[in-house]
PDB file of N, CA and C in Angstrom:
ATOM      1  N   MET A   1       5.522 -14.259  -5.440  1.00  0.00           N
ATOM      2  CA  MET A   1       6.893 -13.225  -6.103  1.00  0.00           C
ATOM      3  C   MET A   1       6.019 -11.953  -5.129  1.00  0.00           C
ATOM      4  N   SER A   2       7.238 -10.900  -4.840  1.00  0.00           N
ATOM      5  CA  SER A   2       6.718  -9.399  -4.617  1.00  0.00           C
ATOM      6  C   SER A   2       7.886  -8.766  -5.343  1.00  0.00           C
ATOM      7  N   LEU A   3       7.377  -7.562  -5.372  1.00  0.00           N
ATOM      8  CA  LEU A   3       7.827  -5.922  -5.789  1.00  0.00           C
ATOM      9  C   LEU A   3       7.864  -5.287  -5.266  1.00  0.00           C
ATOM     10  N   THR A   4       9.488  -5.071  -5.996  1.00  0.00           N
ATOM     11  CA  THR A   4      10.596  -4.054  -5.202  1.00  0.00           C
ATOM     12  C   THR A   4      10.454  -2.486  -5.697  1.00  0.00           C
ATOM     13  N   LYS A   5      10.635  -1.919  -4.969  1.00  0.00           N
ATOM     14  CA  LYS A   5      11.229  -0.621  -5.549  1.00  0.00           C
ATOM     15  C   LYS A   5      11.794  -0.643  -6.968  1.00  0.00           C
ATOM     16  N   SER A   6      13.322  -1.300  -6.821  1.00  0.00           N
ATOM     17  CA  SER A   6      13.837  -1.495  -7.927  1.00  0.00           C
ATOM     18  C   SER A   6      13.262  -2.192  -8.822  1.00  0.00           C
ATOM     19  N   ASP A   7      12.257  -2.976  -8.634  1.00  0.00           N
ATOM     20  CA  ASP A   7      11.880  -3.682  -9.658  1.00  0.00           C
ATOM     21  C   ASP A   7      10.849  -2.564 -10.423  1.00  0.00           C
ATOM     22  N   ILE A   8       9.896  -1.436  -9.523  1.00  0.00           N
ATOM     23  CA  ILE A   8       9.161  -0.685 -10.996  1.00  0.00           C
ATOM     24  C   ILE A   8      10.006   0.242 -11.328  1.00  0.00           C
ATOM     25  N   SER A   9      11.307   0.765 -10.536  1.00  0.00           N
ATOM     26  CA  SER A   9      12.359   1.245 -11.561  1.00  0.00           C
ATOM     27  C   SER A   9      12.853   0.457 -12.856  1.00  0.00           C
ATOM     28  N   SER A  10      13.573  -0.431 -13.074  1.00  0.00           N
ATOM     29  CA  SER A  10      13.439  -1.087 -13.625  1.00  0.00           C
ATOM     30  C   SER A  10      12.177  -1.097 -15.316  1.00  0.00           C
ATOM     31  N   LYS A  11      10.859  -1.076 -14.109  1.00  0.00           N
ATOM     32  CA  LYS A  11      10.220  -0.911 -15.579  1.00  0.00           C
ATOM     33  C   LYS A  11       9.467   0.099 -16.168  1.00  0.00           C
ATOM     34  N   VAL A  12       9.752   0.825 -14.925  1.00  0.00           N
ATOM     35  CA  VAL A  12       9.893   2.633 -15.624  1.00  0.00           C
ATOM     36  C   VAL A  12      10.627   3.140 -16.536  1.00  0.00           C
ATOM     37  N   HIS A  13      12.205   2.432 -16.182  1.00  0.00           N
ATOM     38  CA  HIS A  13      13.658   2.653 -17.219  1.00  0.00           C
ATOM     39  C   HIS A  13      12.555   1.854 -18.605  1.00  0.00           C
ATOM     40  N   GLU A  14      12.629   1.047 -18.578  1.00  0.00           N
ATOM     41  CA  GLU A  14      12.400   0.119 -19.832  1.00  0.00           C
ATOM     42  C   GLU A  14      11.281   0.875 -20.700  1.00  0.00           C
ATOM     43  N   LYS A  15       9.838   0.861 -20.037  1.00  0.00           N
ATOM     44  CA  LYS A  15       8.666   1.880 -20.641  1.00  0.00           C
ATOM     45  C   LYS A  15       8.937   3.473 -20.819  1.00  0.00           C
ATOM     46  N   VAL A  16       9.138   4.075 -20.518  1.00  0.00           N
ATOM     47  CA  VAL A  16       9.463   5.433 -20.610  1.00  0.00           C
ATOM     48  C   VAL A  16      10.967   6.014 -21.276  1.00  0.00           C
ATOM     49  N   GLY A  17      11.778   5.319 -20.700  1.00  0.00           N
ATOM     50  CA  GLY A  17      13.580   5.380 -21.606  1.00  0.00           C
ATOM     51  C   GLY A  17      13.851   6.198 -21.126  1.00  0.00           C
ATOM     52  N   ILE A  18      14.037   6.577 -19.586  1.00  0.00           N
ATOM     53  CA  ILE A  18      15.017   7.092 -18.647  1.00  0.00           C
ATOM     54  C   ILE A  18      15.932   6.501 -17.791  1.00  0.00           C
ATOM     55  N   SER A  19      16.778   7.079 -17.609  1.00  0.00           N
ATOM     56  CA  SER A  19      18.314   6.171 -16.773  1.00  0.00           C
ATOM     57  C   SER A  19      17.506   5.431 -15.640  1.00  0.00           C
ATOM     58  N   HIS A  20      18.195   4.675 -15.579  1.00  0.00           N
ATOM     59  CA  HIS A  20      18.181   3.611 -13.990  1.00  0.00           C
ATOM     60  C   HIS A  20      17.991   4.560 -12.853  1.00  0.00           C
ATOM     61  N   ASN A  21      19.223   5.543 -12.613  1.00  0.00           N
ATOM     62  CA  ASN A  21      19.006   6.428 -11.779  1.00  0.00           C
ATOM     63  C   ASN A  21      17.748   7.610 -11.440  1.00  0.00           C
ATOM     64  N   ASP A  22      17.405   8.299 -12.664  1.00  0.00           N
ATOM     65  CA  ASP A  22      16.415   8.677 -13.042  1.00  0.00           C
ATOM     66  C   ASP A  22      14.902   8.458 -12.329  1.00  0.00           C
ATOM     67  N   SER A  23      14.855   7.009 -12.698  1.00  0.00           N
ATOM     68  CA  SER A  23      13.719   5.975 -12.774  1.00  0.00           C
ATOM     69  C   SER A  23      14.066   6.065 -10.924  1.00  0.00           C
ATOM     70  N   LEU A  24      14.937   5.577 -10.882  1.00  0.00           N
ATOM     71  CA  LEU A  24      14.934   5.192  -9.159  1.00  0.00           C
ATOM     72  C   LEU A  24      14.074   6.384  -8.464  1.00  0.00           C
ATOM     73  N   LYS A  25      14.751   7.357  -8.946  1.00  0.00           N
ATOM     74  CA  LYS A  25      14.180   8.673  -7.800  1.00  0.00           C
ATOM     75  C   LYS A  25      12.879   8.930  -8.016  1.00  0.00           C
ATOM     76  N   TYR A  26      12.685   8.816  -9.522  1.00  0.00           N
ATOM     77  CA  TYR A  26      11.083   9.174  -9.107  1.00  0.00           C
ATOM     78  C   TYR A  26      10.271   8.346  -8.692  1.00  0.00           C
ATOM     79  N   VAL A  27      10.521   6.993  -8.630  1.00  0.00           N
ATOM     80  CA  VAL A  27      10.003   6.260  -7.934  1.00  0.00           C
ATOM     81  C   VAL A  27      10.269   6.216  -6.359  1.00  0.00           C
ATOM     82  N   ASN A  28      10.821   7.198  -5.553  1.00  0.00           N
ATOM     83  CA  ASN A  28      11.257   6.847  -4.370  1.00  0.00           C
ATOM     84  C   ASN A  28      10.690   7.751  -4.180  1.00  0.00           C
ATOM     85  N   SER A  29      10.733   9.129  -5.006  1.00  0.00           N
ATOM     86  CA  SER A  29       9.801  10.642  -4.721  1.00  0.00           C
ATOM     87  C   SER A  29       8.098  10.515  -4.836  1.00  0.00           C
ATOM     88  N   PHE A  30       7.990   9.577  -5.424  1.00  0.00           N
ATOM     89  CA  PHE A  30       6.450   8.771  -5.466  1.00  0.00           C
ATOM     90  C   PHE A  30       6.011   8.126  -4.316  1.00  0.00           C
ATOM     91  N   PHE A  31       6.744   7.209  -3.388  1.00  0.00           N
ATOM     92  CA  PHE A  31       6.315   6.478  -2.482  1.00  0.00           C
ATOM     93  C   PHE A  31       6.709   7.999  -1.410  1.00  0.00           C
ATOM     94  N   GLU A  32       7.523   8.610  -1.118  1.00  0.00           N
ATOM     95  CA  GLU A  32       7.720   9.418  -0.087  1.00  0.00           C
ATOM     96  C   GLU A  32       6.524  10.617  -0.051  1.00  0.00           C
ATOM     97  N   MET A  33       6.195  11.203  -1.050  1.00  0.00           N
ATOM     98  CA  MET A  33       4.903  11.889  -1.192  1.00  0.00           C
ATOM     99  C   MET A  33       3.683  11.136  -1.145  1.00  0.00           C
ATOM    100  N   LEU A  34       3.092   9.804  -1.177  1.00  0.00           N
ATOM    101  CA  LEU A  34       2.519   8.520  -0.646  1.00  0.00           C
ATOM    102  C   LEU A  34       2.629   9.081   0.780  1.00  0.00           C
ATOM    103  N   LYS A  35       3.975   8.810   1.177  1.00  0.00           N
ATOM    104  CA  LYS A  35       3.926   8.516   2.804  1.00  0.00           C
ATOM    105  C   LYS A  35       3.397  10.186   3.422  1.00  0.00           C
ATOM    106  N   TYR A  36       3.993  11.250   2.564  1.00  0.00           N
ATOM    107  CA  TYR A  36       3.550  12.165   3.527  1.00  0.00           C
ATOM    108  C   TYR A  36       2.040  12.736   3.162  1.00  0.00           C
ATOM    109  N   GLU A  37       1.601  12.288   2.240  1.00  0.00           N
ATOM    110  CA  GLU A  37       0.181  12.343   2.345  1.00  0.00           C
ATOM    111  C   GLU A  37      -0.922  11.559   2.907  1.00  0.00           C
ATOM    112  N   ALA A  38      -0.591  10.594   3.370  1.00  0.00           N
ATOM    113  CA  ALA A  38      -1.182   9.473   3.967  1.00  0.00           C
ATOM    114  C   ALA A  38      -0.648   9.734   5.365  1.00  0.00           C
ATOM    115  N   GLU A  39       0.251  10.786   5.955  1.00  0.00           N
ATOM    116  CA  GLU A  39       0.123  11.282   7.182  1.00  0.00           C
ATOM    117  C   GLU A  39      -1.162  12.665   7.591  1.00  0.00           C
ATOM    118  N   LYS A  40      -1.197  13.110   6.393  1.00  0.00           N
ATOM    119  CA  LYS A  40      -2.276  14.543   6.705  1.00  0.00           C
ATOM    120  C   LYS A  40      -3.369  14.098   6.263  1.00  0.00           C
ATOM    121  N   THR A  41      -3.730  12.827   5.470  1.00  0.00           N
ATOM    122  CA  THR A  41      -5.072  12.856   5.139  1.00  0.00           C
ATOM    123  C   THR A  41      -5.593  11.769   5.381  1.00  0.00           C
ATOM    124  N   GLU A  42      -7.197  11.660   5.238  1.00  0.00           N
ATOM    125  CA  GLU A  42      -7.523   9.852   5.489  1.00  0.00           C
ATOM    126  C   GLU A  42      -7.672   8.867   4.497  1.00  0.00           C
ATOM    127  N   LEU A  43      -7.859   9.571   3.441  1.00  0.00           N
ATOM    128  CA  LEU A  43      -7.883   8.659   2.039  1.00  0.00           C
ATOM    129  C   LEU A  43      -6.901   9.435   0.515  1.00  0.00           C
ATOM    130  N   LEU A  44      -6.588   8.587   0.241  1.00  0.00           N
ATOM    131  CA  LEU A  44      -5.660   8.576  -1.129  1.00  0.00           C
ATOM    132  C   LEU A  44      -6.226   7.726  -2.115  1.00  0.00           C
ATOM    133  N   LYS A  45      -7.523   8.251  -3.006  1.00  0.00           N
ATOM    134  CA  LYS A  45      -7.497   7.548  -4.055  1.00  0.00           C
ATOM    135  C   LYS A  45      -7.119   7.842  -5.458  1.00  0.00           C
ATOM    136  N   PHE A  46      -6.746   6.294  -6.197  1.00  0.00           N
ATOM    137  CA  PHE A  46      -6.128   6.278  -7.168  1.00  0.00           C
ATOM    138  C   PHE A  46      -7.258   5.350  -8.177  1.00  0.00           C
ATOM    139  N   SER A  47      -7.620   6.309  -9.029  1.00  0.00           N
ATOM    140  CA  SER A  47      -8.744   5.970 -10.259  1.00  0.00           C
ATOM    141  C   SER A  47      -8.366   4.814 -10.895  1.00  0.00           C
ATOM    142  N   GLY A  48      -9.018   3.585 -10.670  1.00  0.00           N
ATOM    143  CA  GLY A  48      -8.988   2.731 -11.442  1.00  0.00           C
ATOM    144  C   GLY A  48      -8.164   1.690 -10.940  1.00  0.00           C
ATOM    145  N   PHE A  49      -7.623   1.900  -9.155  1.00  0.00           N
ATOM    146  CA  PHE A  49      -7.156   0.930  -8.622  1.00  0.00           C
ATOM    147  C   PHE A  49      -7.260   0.670  -7.681  1.00  0.00           C
ATOM    148  N   GLY A  50      -7.080   1.680  -6.689  1.00  0.00           N
ATOM    149  CA  GLY A  50      -7.606   1.597  -5.684  1.00  0.00           C
ATOM    150  C   GLY A  50      -7.848   3.063  -4.279  1.00  0.00           C
ATOM    151  N   ASN A  51      -8.452   2.693  -3.503  1.00  0.00           N
ATOM    152  CA  ASN A  51      -8.159   3.730  -2.292  1.00  0.00           C
ATOM    153  C   ASN A  51      -7.535   3.100  -1.286  1.00  0.00           C
ATOM    154  N   PHE A  52      -6.688   4.004  -0.471  1.00  0.00           N
ATOM    155  CA  PHE A  52      -5.530   3.893   0.499  1.00  0.00           C
ATOM    156  C   PHE A  52      -6.434   4.544   1.887  1.00  0.00           C
ATOM    157  N   ILE A  53      -7.249   3.655   2.893  1.00  0.00           N
ATOM    158  CA  ILE A  53      -7.508   4.920   3.956  1.00  0.00           C
ATOM    159  C   ILE A  53      -7.017   4.662   5.021  1.00  0.00           C
ATOM    160  N   VAL A  54      -7.131   5.806   5.837  1.00  0.00           N
ATOM    161  CA  VAL A  54      -6.178   6.091   7.400  1.00  0.00           C
ATOM    162  C   VAL A  54      -7.408   5.478   8.299  1.00  0.00           C
ATOM    163  N   LYS A  55      -7.488   4.341   8.860  1.00  0.00           N
ATOM    164  CA  LYS A  55      -8.299   4.280  10.236  1.00  0.00           C
ATOM    165  C   LYS A  55      -7.625   4.208  11.368  1.00  0.00           C
ATOM    166  N   GLU A  56      -8.602   4.649  12.144  1.00  0.00           N
ATOM    167  CA  GLU A  56      -8.175   4.793  13.637  1.00  0.00           C
ATOM    168  C   GLU A  56      -7.949   3.921  14.064  1.00  0.00           C
ATOM    169  N   LYS A  57      -7.774   3.158  15.342  1.00  0.00           N
ATOM    170  CA  LYS A  57      -7.398   1.569  16.114  1.00  0.00           C
ATOM    171  C   LYS A  57      -7.727   2.143  17.292  1.00  0.00           C
ATOM    172  N   SER A  58      -8.823   2.200  18.100  1.00  0.00           N
ATOM    173  CA  SER A  58      -8.885   2.511  19.673  1.00  0.00           C
ATOM    174  C   SER A  58      -8.206   1.571  20.855  1.00  0.00           C
ATOM    175  N   LYS A  59      -7.671   2.464  21.666  1.00  0.00           N
ATOM    176  CA  LYS A  59      -7.293   1.409  22.955  1.00  0.00           C
ATOM    177  C   LYS A  59      -7.884   0.007  23.305  1.00  0.00           C
ATOM    178  N   ARG A  60      -7.029  -1.203  23.364  1.00  0.00           N
ATOM    179  CA  ARG A  60      -7.632  -2.381  23.560  1.00  0.00           C
ATOM    180  C   ARG A  60      -6.812  -3.432  24.493  1.00  0.00           C
ATOM    181  N   LYS A  61      -7.733  -4.275  24.893  1.00  0.00           N
ATOM    182  CA  LYS A  61      -7.390  -5.243  25.926  1.00  0.00           C
ATOM    183  C   LYS A  61      -6.615  -6.041  25.184  1.00  0.00           C
ATOM    184  N   GLY A  62      -5.242  -6.732  25.147  1.00  0.00           N
ATOM    185  CA  GLY A  62      -4.691  -8.047  24.458  1.00  0.00           C
ATOM    186  C   GLY A  62      -4.305  -9.098  25.097  1.00  0.00           C
ATOM    187  N   ARG A  63      -3.362 -10.175  25.036  1.00  0.00           N
ATOM    188  CA  ARG A  63      -2.625 -11.073  26.274  1.00  0.00           C
ATOM    189  C   ARG A  63      -1.720 -10.964  24.967  1.00  0.00           C
ATOM    190  N   ASN A  64      -0.320 -11.311  25.976  1.00  0.00           N
ATOM    191  CA  ASN A  64       0.698 -11.361  26.193  1.00  0.00           C
ATOM    192  C   ASN A  64       0.206 -13.247  25.982  1.00  0.00           C
ATOM    193  N   PRO A  65       0.776 -13.527  23.923  1.00  0.00           N
ATOM    194  CA  PRO A  65       1.126 -15.047  23.719  1.00  0.00           C
ATOM    195  C   PRO A  65       1.659 -16.214  24.685  1.00  0.00           C
ATOM    196  N   GLN A  66       3.055 -15.366  25.096  1.00  0.00           N
ATOM    197  CA  GLN A  66       3.923 -16.180  25.622  1.00  0.00           C
ATOM    198  C   GLN A  66       3.769 -16.367  26.912  1.00  0.00           C
ATOM    199  N   ASN A  67       2.956 -15.813  27.664  1.00  0.00           N
ATOM    200  CA  ASN A  67       2.452 -16.037  29.400  1.00  0.00           C
ATOM    201  C   ASN A  67       1.497 -15.487  29.757  1.00  0.00           C
ATOM    202  N   GLY A  68       0.767 -15.747  28.713  1.00  0.00           N
ATOM    203  CA  GLY A  68      -0.807 -15.105  28.881  1.00  0.00           C
ATOM    204  C   GLY A  68      -1.643 -13.844  29.838  1.00  0.00           C
ATOM    205  N   GLU A  69      -0.427 -13.176  29.975  1.00  0.00           N
ATOM    206  CA  GLU A  69      -0.615 -12.147  30.925  1.00  0.00           C
ATOM    207  C   GLU A  69      -1.585 -10.826  30.237  1.00  0.00           C
ATOM    208  N   VAL A  70      -2.561  -9.926  30.920  1.00  0.00           N
ATOM    209  CA  VAL A  70      -2.983  -9.225  30.263  1.00  0.00           C
ATOM    210  C   VAL A  70      -2.522  -8.003  30.160  1.00  0.00           C
ATOM    211  N   MET A  71      -2.842  -7.350  28.931  1.00  0.00           N
ATOM    212  CA  MET A  71      -1.888  -5.801  28.554  1.00  0.00           C
ATOM    213  C   MET A  71      -3.181  -5.108  27.476  1.00  0.00           C
ATOM    214  N   TYR A  72      -2.529  -3.600  27.312  1.00  0.00           N
ATOM    215  CA  TYR A  72      -3.275  -2.814  27.055  1.00  0.00           C
ATOM    216  C   TYR A  72      -2.532  -2.583  24.918  1.00  0.00           C
ATOM    217  N   ILE A  73      -3.339  -2.776  24.099  1.00  0.00           N
ATOM    218  CA  ILE A  73      -2.750  -2.017  23.048  1.00  0.00           C
ATOM    219  C   ILE A  73      -3.005  -0.754  22.813  1.00  0.00           C
ATOM    220  N   CYS A  74      -2.039   0.180  22.508  1.00  0.00           N
ATOM    221  CA  CYS A  74      -2.380   1.908  22.282  1.00  0.00           C
ATOM    222  C   CYS A  74      -3.140   1.394  21.147  1.00  0.00           C
ATOM    223  N   GLU A  75      -3.983   3.057  21.317  1.00  0.00           N
ATOM    224  CA  GLU A  75      -4.555   3.411  20.114  1.00  0.00           C
ATOM    225  C   GLU A  75      -3.222   4.236  19.103  1.00  0.00           C
ATOM    226  N   ARG A  76      -3.842   3.829  18.173  1.00  0.00           N
ATOM    227  CA  ARG A  76      -2.701   4.286  16.861  1.00  0.00           C
ATOM    228  C   ARG A  76      -3.702   3.850  15.060  1.00  0.00           C
ATOM    229  N   LYS A  77      -2.885   4.601  14.513  1.00  0.00           N
ATOM    230  CA  LYS A  77      -3.521   4.632  13.026  1.00  0.00           C
ATOM    231  C   LYS A  77      -3.234   3.722  12.249  1.00  0.00           C
ATOM    232  N   VAL A  78      -4.231   2.770  11.351  1.00  0.00           N
ATOM    233  CA  VAL A  78      -3.601   1.625  10.392  1.00  0.00           C
ATOM    234  C   VAL A  78      -3.918   2.443   8.599  1.00  0.00           C
ATOM    235  N   LEU A  79      -2.991   1.598   8.007  1.00  0.00           N
ATOM    236  CA  LEU A  79      -3.299   1.925   6.815  1.00  0.00           C
ATOM    237  C   LEU A  79      -4.073   0.924   6.266  1.00  0.00           C
ATOM    238  N   LYS A  80      -5.086   0.749   5.528  1.00  0.00           N
ATOM    239  CA  LYS A  80      -6.057   0.022   4.889  1.00  0.00           C
ATOM    240  C   LYS A  80      -6.371  -0.084   3.056  1.00  0.00           C
ATOM    241  N   PHE A  81      -6.072  -1.084   2.567  1.00  0.00           N
ATOM    242  CA  PHE A  81      -6.092  -0.241   1.210  1.00  0.00           C
ATOM    243  C   PHE A  81      -7.188  -1.208   0.197  1.00  0.00           C
ATOM    244  N   LYS A  82      -8.112  -0.598  -0.537  1.00  0.00           N
ATOM    245  CA  LYS A  82      -9.683  -1.364  -1.073  1.00  0.00           C
ATOM    246  C   LYS A  82      -8.938  -1.058  -2.515  1.00  0.00           C
ATOM    247  N   PRO A  83      -9.405  -2.291  -2.691  1.00  0.00           N
ATOM    248  CA  PRO A  83      -9.071  -2.067  -4.656  1.00  0.00           C
ATOM    249  C   PRO A  83     -10.193  -1.720  -5.133  1.00  0.00           C
ATOM    250  N   SER A  84     -10.045  -1.178  -6.343  1.00  0.00           N
ATOM    251  CA  SER A  84     -11.115  -0.513  -7.394  1.00  0.00           C
ATOM    252  C   SER A  84     -11.650  -1.857  -7.466  1.00  0.00           C
ATOM    253  N   ASN A  85     -12.790  -1.771  -8.419  1.00  0.00           N
ATOM    254  CA  ASN A  85     -13.731  -3.016  -9.307  1.00  0.00           C
ATOM    255  C   ASN A  85     -13.417  -3.417 -10.473  1.00  0.00           C
ATOM    256  N   VAL A  86     -12.803  -2.197 -10.837  1.00  0.00           N
ATOM    257  CA  VAL A  86     -11.456  -2.520 -12.177  1.00  0.00           C
ATOM    258  C   VAL A  86     -10.869  -3.543 -12.099  1.00  0.00           C
ATOM    259  N   LEU A  87      -9.464  -2.879 -10.864  1.00  0.00           N
ATOM    260  CA  LEU A  87      -8.680  -3.887 -10.320  1.00  0.00           C
ATOM    261  C   LEU A  87      -8.914  -5.212  -9.658  1.00  0.00           C
ATOM    262  N   LYS A  88      -9.993  -5.499  -8.868  1.00  0.00           N
ATOM    263  CA  LYS A  88     -10.293  -6.697  -8.834  1.00  0.00           C
ATOM    264  C   LYS A  88     -10.810  -7.679 -10.051  1.00  0.00           C
ATOM    265  N   SER A  89     -11.697  -6.930 -10.734  1.00  0.00           N
ATOM    266  CA  SER A  89     -12.038  -7.663 -11.881  1.00  0.00           C
ATOM    267  C   SER A  89     -10.900  -7.832 -13.564  1.00  0.00           C
ATOM    268  N   LYS A  90      -9.781  -6.840 -13.137  1.00  0.00           N
ATOM    269  CA  LYS A  90      -8.672  -7.667 -14.062  1.00  0.00           C
ATOM    270  C   LYS A  90      -7.997  -8.631 -13.352  1.00  0.00           C
ATOM    271  N   VAL A  91      -7.566  -8.836 -11.782  1.00  0.00           N
ATOM    272  CA  VAL A  91      -6.701  -9.486 -11.301  1.00  0.00           C
ATOM    273  C   VAL A  91      -7.842 -11.138 -11.635  1.00  0.00           C
ATOM    274  N   ASN A  92      -8.698 -11.042 -11.067  1.00  0.00           N
ATOM    275  CA  ASN A  92     -10.231 -12.348 -11.432  1.00  0.00           C
ATOM    276  C   ASN A  92      -9.799 -12.765 -12.829  1.00  0.00           C
ATOM    277  N   LYS A  93     -10.227 -11.776 -13.824  1.00  0.00           N
ATOM    278  CA  LYS A  93      -9.722 -11.947 -15.252  1.00  0.00           C
ATOM    279  C   LYS A  93      -8.538 -12.661 -15.432  1.00  0.00           C
ATOM    280  N   GLN A  94      -7.430 -12.465 -14.874  1.00  0.00           N
ATOM    281  CA  GLN A  94      -6.443 -12.479 -15.533  1.00  0.00           C
ATOM    282  C   GLN A  94      -5.751 -14.102 -14.536  1.00  0.00           C
ATOM    283  N   ASN A  95      -6.686 -14.099 -13.359  1.00  0.00           N
ATOM    284  CA  ASN A  95      -7.133 -15.906 -12.529  1.00  0.00           C
ATOM    285  C   ASN A  95      -7.796 -16.457 -12.910  1.00  0.00           C
ATOM    286  N   GLY A  96      -8.416 -16.268 -14.094  1.00  0.00           N
ATOM    287  CA  GLY A  96      -9.634 -17.256 -15.008  1.00  0.00           C
ATOM    288  C   GLY A  96     -10.326 -17.485 -13.930  1.00  0.00           C
ATOM    289  N   LEU A  97     -10.980 -16.582 -13.090  1.00  0.00           N
ATOM    290  CA  LEU A  97     -11.417 -16.433 -12.230  1.00  0.00           C
ATOM    291  C   LEU A  97     -13.248 -15.168 -12.473  1.00  0.00           C
ATOM    292  N   GLU A  98     -13.464 -15.390 -13.960  1.00  0.00           N
ATOM    293  CA  GLU A  98     -14.144 -13.844 -14.188  1.00  0.00           C
ATOM    294  C   GLU A  98     -15.841 -14.892 -13.507  1.00  0.00           C
ATOM    295  N   GLY A  99     -16.288 -13.755 -13.120  1.00  0.00           N
ATOM    296  CA  GLY A  99     -17.448 -14.589 -13.205  1.00  0.00           C
ATOM    297  C   GLY A  99     -18.845 -13.255 -12.875  1.00  0.00           C
TER     298      GLY A  99
END
């Protein structure tokens, strides 16, 4: 199952009691703010949820799977998510994997 911005907006509408249009604006604004902050910083912390960490990947040698030709993959930044222990515990408890 996937969770879309529209799904999140509907849940905000139900819980907070604002219009669908306003809730969608808030959800879109939140994600725009996350993108903006991820460009500027290396760590986005959400207490009780987890951290988004910007990592640098260096240039490396790769191989084209279609023809086996050697090629170089450019250096780039990637965004990784590390869930908090609270979130991990909640997910495991919900799935009967407490331990």
